[in-house]
Amino acid sequence: MQIRDKEDNESEDYILQDNKKTRFGTIFIIIILVILITAVAISGFYFEFW
């Protein structure tokens, strides 16, 4: 995976740009995934699946 820098105007084969929207989106998705994994683990213990 490549991240495009602001100074790099030549390469076009990038996936993410290095800007505030990309950082916010990445952090937001990671936080949501952590919350979901925690919720699944807690519900597993609560309903005694484990």
N, C-alpha and C. Protein backbone atom coordinates (compact mmCIF):
# COMPACT_ATOMS: atom_id res chain seq x y z
N MET A 1 0.86 -1.18 0.00
CA MET A 1 0.00 0.00 0.00
C MET A 1 0.89 1.24 0.00
N GLN A 2 0.56 2.15 -0.85
CA GLN A 2 1.33 3.38 -0.92
C GLN A 2 0.49 4.55 -0.47
N ILE A 3 1.14 5.49 0.20
CA ILE A 3 0.48 6.72 0.62
C ILE A 3 1.12 7.87 -0.14
N ARG A 4 0.31 8.67 -0.75
CA ARG A 4 0.81 9.77 -1.57
C ARG A 4 1.12 10.97 -0.69
N ASP A 5 2.30 11.53 -0.88
CA ASP A 5 2.68 12.77 -0.20
C ASP A 5 2.15 13.96 -0.98
N LYS A 6 2.02 15.08 -0.28
CA LYS A 6 1.53 16.29 -0.94
C LYS A 6 2.50 16.78 -2.02
N GLU A 7 3.81 16.57 -1.80
CA GLU A 7 4.80 17.06 -2.75
C GLU A 7 4.92 16.16 -3.98
N ASP A 8 4.40 14.94 -3.90
CA ASP A 8 4.54 13.99 -5.00
C ASP A 8 3.38 14.17 -5.97
N ASN A 9 3.63 14.90 -7.05
CA ASN A 9 2.58 15.14 -8.04
C ASN A 9 2.71 14.23 -9.25
N GLU A 10 3.77 13.39 -9.28
CA GLU A 10 4.02 12.57 -10.46
C GLU A 10 3.36 11.20 -10.37
N SER A 11 3.42 10.56 -9.21
CA SER A 11 2.91 9.18 -9.13
C SER A 11 1.39 9.18 -9.04
N GLU A 12 0.79 8.26 -9.76
CA GLU A 12 -0.66 8.15 -9.76
C GLU A 12 -1.12 6.80 -9.20
N ASP A 13 -0.18 5.92 -8.83
CA ASP A 13 -0.54 4.60 -8.34
C ASP A 13 -0.53 4.58 -6.80
N TYR A 14 -1.29 5.47 -6.21
CA TYR A 14 -1.39 5.53 -4.76
C TYR A 14 -2.78 5.08 -4.34
N ILE A 15 -2.89 4.67 -3.08
CA ILE A 15 -4.18 4.25 -2.56
C ILE A 15 -4.75 5.34 -1.65
N LEU A 16 -3.94 5.83 -0.75
CA LEU A 16 -4.39 6.85 0.20
C LEU A 16 -3.59 8.13 0.02
N GLN A 17 -4.23 9.25 0.24
CA GLN A 17 -3.52 10.52 0.22
C GLN A 17 -3.15 10.88 1.66
N ASP A 18 -2.07 11.63 1.81
CA ASP A 18 -1.62 12.04 3.14
C ASP A 18 -2.28 13.36 3.50
N ASN A 19 -3.54 13.30 3.96
CA ASN A 19 -4.24 14.51 4.34
C ASN A 19 -5.13 14.24 5.56
N LYS A 20 -5.84 15.25 6.03
CA LYS A 20 -6.62 15.12 7.26
C LYS A 20 -7.80 14.17 7.10
N LYS A 21 -8.45 14.17 5.94
CA LYS A 21 -9.60 13.28 5.73
C LYS A 21 -9.18 11.82 5.80
N THR A 22 -8.06 11.49 5.20
CA THR A 22 -7.59 10.10 5.22
C THR A 22 -7.23 9.68 6.63
N ARG A 23 -6.53 10.54 7.37
CA ARG A 23 -6.16 10.21 8.75
C ARG A 23 -7.41 10.04 9.61
N PHE A 24 -8.36 10.95 9.50
CA PHE A 24 -9.60 10.85 10.29
C PHE A 24 -10.36 9.59 9.94
N GLY A 25 -10.49 9.28 8.67
CA GLY A 25 -11.21 8.08 8.25
C GLY A 25 -10.54 6.81 8.75
N THR A 26 -9.22 6.76 8.67
CA THR A 26 -8.49 5.59 9.14
C THR A 26 -8.66 5.40 10.65
N ILE A 27 -8.49 6.47 11.40
CA ILE A 27 -8.64 6.39 12.86
C ILE A 27 -10.07 6.04 13.23
N PHE A 28 -11.05 6.61 12.53
CA PHE A 28 -12.46 6.33 12.81
C PHE A 28 -12.78 4.85 12.57
N ILE A 29 -12.30 4.30 11.46
CA ILE A 29 -12.56 2.89 11.16
C ILE A 29 -11.89 1.98 12.18
N ILE A 30 -10.66 2.30 12.58
CA ILE A 30 -9.97 1.49 13.59
C ILE A 30 -10.72 1.51 14.91
N ILE A 31 -11.20 2.69 15.33
CA ILE A 31 -11.94 2.78 16.59
C ILE A 31 -13.23 1.97 16.52
N ILE A 32 -13.95 2.06 15.42
CA ILE A 32 -15.19 1.29 15.26
C ILE A 32 -14.90 -0.21 15.31
N LEU A 33 -13.84 -0.66 14.65
CA LEU A 33 -13.49 -2.08 14.68
C LEU A 33 -13.13 -2.55 16.08
N VAL A 34 -12.39 -1.74 16.83
CA VAL A 34 -12.05 -2.10 18.21
C VAL A 34 -13.31 -2.20 19.06
N ILE A 35 -14.23 -1.25 18.89
CA ILE A 35 -15.49 -1.29 19.65
C ILE A 35 -16.28 -2.54 19.31
N LEU A 36 -16.37 -2.89 18.03
CA LEU A 36 -17.11 -4.08 17.62
C LEU A 36 -16.48 -5.36 18.16
N ILE A 37 -15.16 -5.47 18.09
CA ILE A 37 -14.48 -6.66 18.61
C ILE A 37 -14.69 -6.77 20.12
N THR A 38 -14.61 -5.65 20.82
CA THR A 38 -14.84 -5.66 22.26
C THR A 38 -16.27 -6.06 22.58
N ALA A 39 -17.23 -5.56 21.83
CA ALA A 39 -18.63 -5.90 22.06
C ALA A 39 -18.88 -7.39 21.83
N VAL A 40 -18.27 -7.96 20.81
CA VAL A 40 -18.43 -9.39 20.54
C VAL A 40 -17.81 -10.21 21.67
N ALA A 41 -16.65 -9.80 22.15
CA ALA A 41 -15.99 -10.53 23.23
C ALA A 41 -16.82 -10.44 24.52
N ILE A 42 -17.33 -9.26 24.84
CA ILE A 42 -18.13 -9.09 26.05
C ILE A 42 -19.42 -9.90 25.95
N SER A 43 -20.08 -9.86 24.81
CA SER A 43 -21.32 -10.63 24.66
C SER A 43 -21.03 -12.14 24.72
N GLY A 44 -19.89 -12.57 24.23
CA GLY A 44 -19.51 -13.98 24.32
C GLY A 44 -19.36 -14.43 25.75
N PHE A 45 -18.73 -13.59 26.58
CA PHE A 45 -18.60 -13.93 28.00
C PHE A 45 -19.94 -13.84 28.70
N TYR A 46 -20.74 -12.86 28.35
CA TYR A 46 -22.04 -12.66 29.01
C TYR A 46 -23.00 -13.85 28.74
N PHE A 47 -23.04 -14.30 27.51
CA PHE A 47 -23.93 -15.42 27.17
C PHE A 47 -23.24 -16.77 27.34
N GLU A 48 -22.04 -16.76 27.93
CA GLU A 48 -21.28 -17.96 28.27
C GLU A 48 -21.00 -18.85 27.06
N PHE A 49 -20.64 -18.21 25.94
CA PHE A 49 -20.21 -18.97 24.77
C PHE A 49 -18.78 -19.48 24.96
N TRP A 50 -17.98 -18.76 25.78
CA TRP A 50 -16.61 -19.18 26.01
C TRP A 50 -16.45 -19.66 27.41
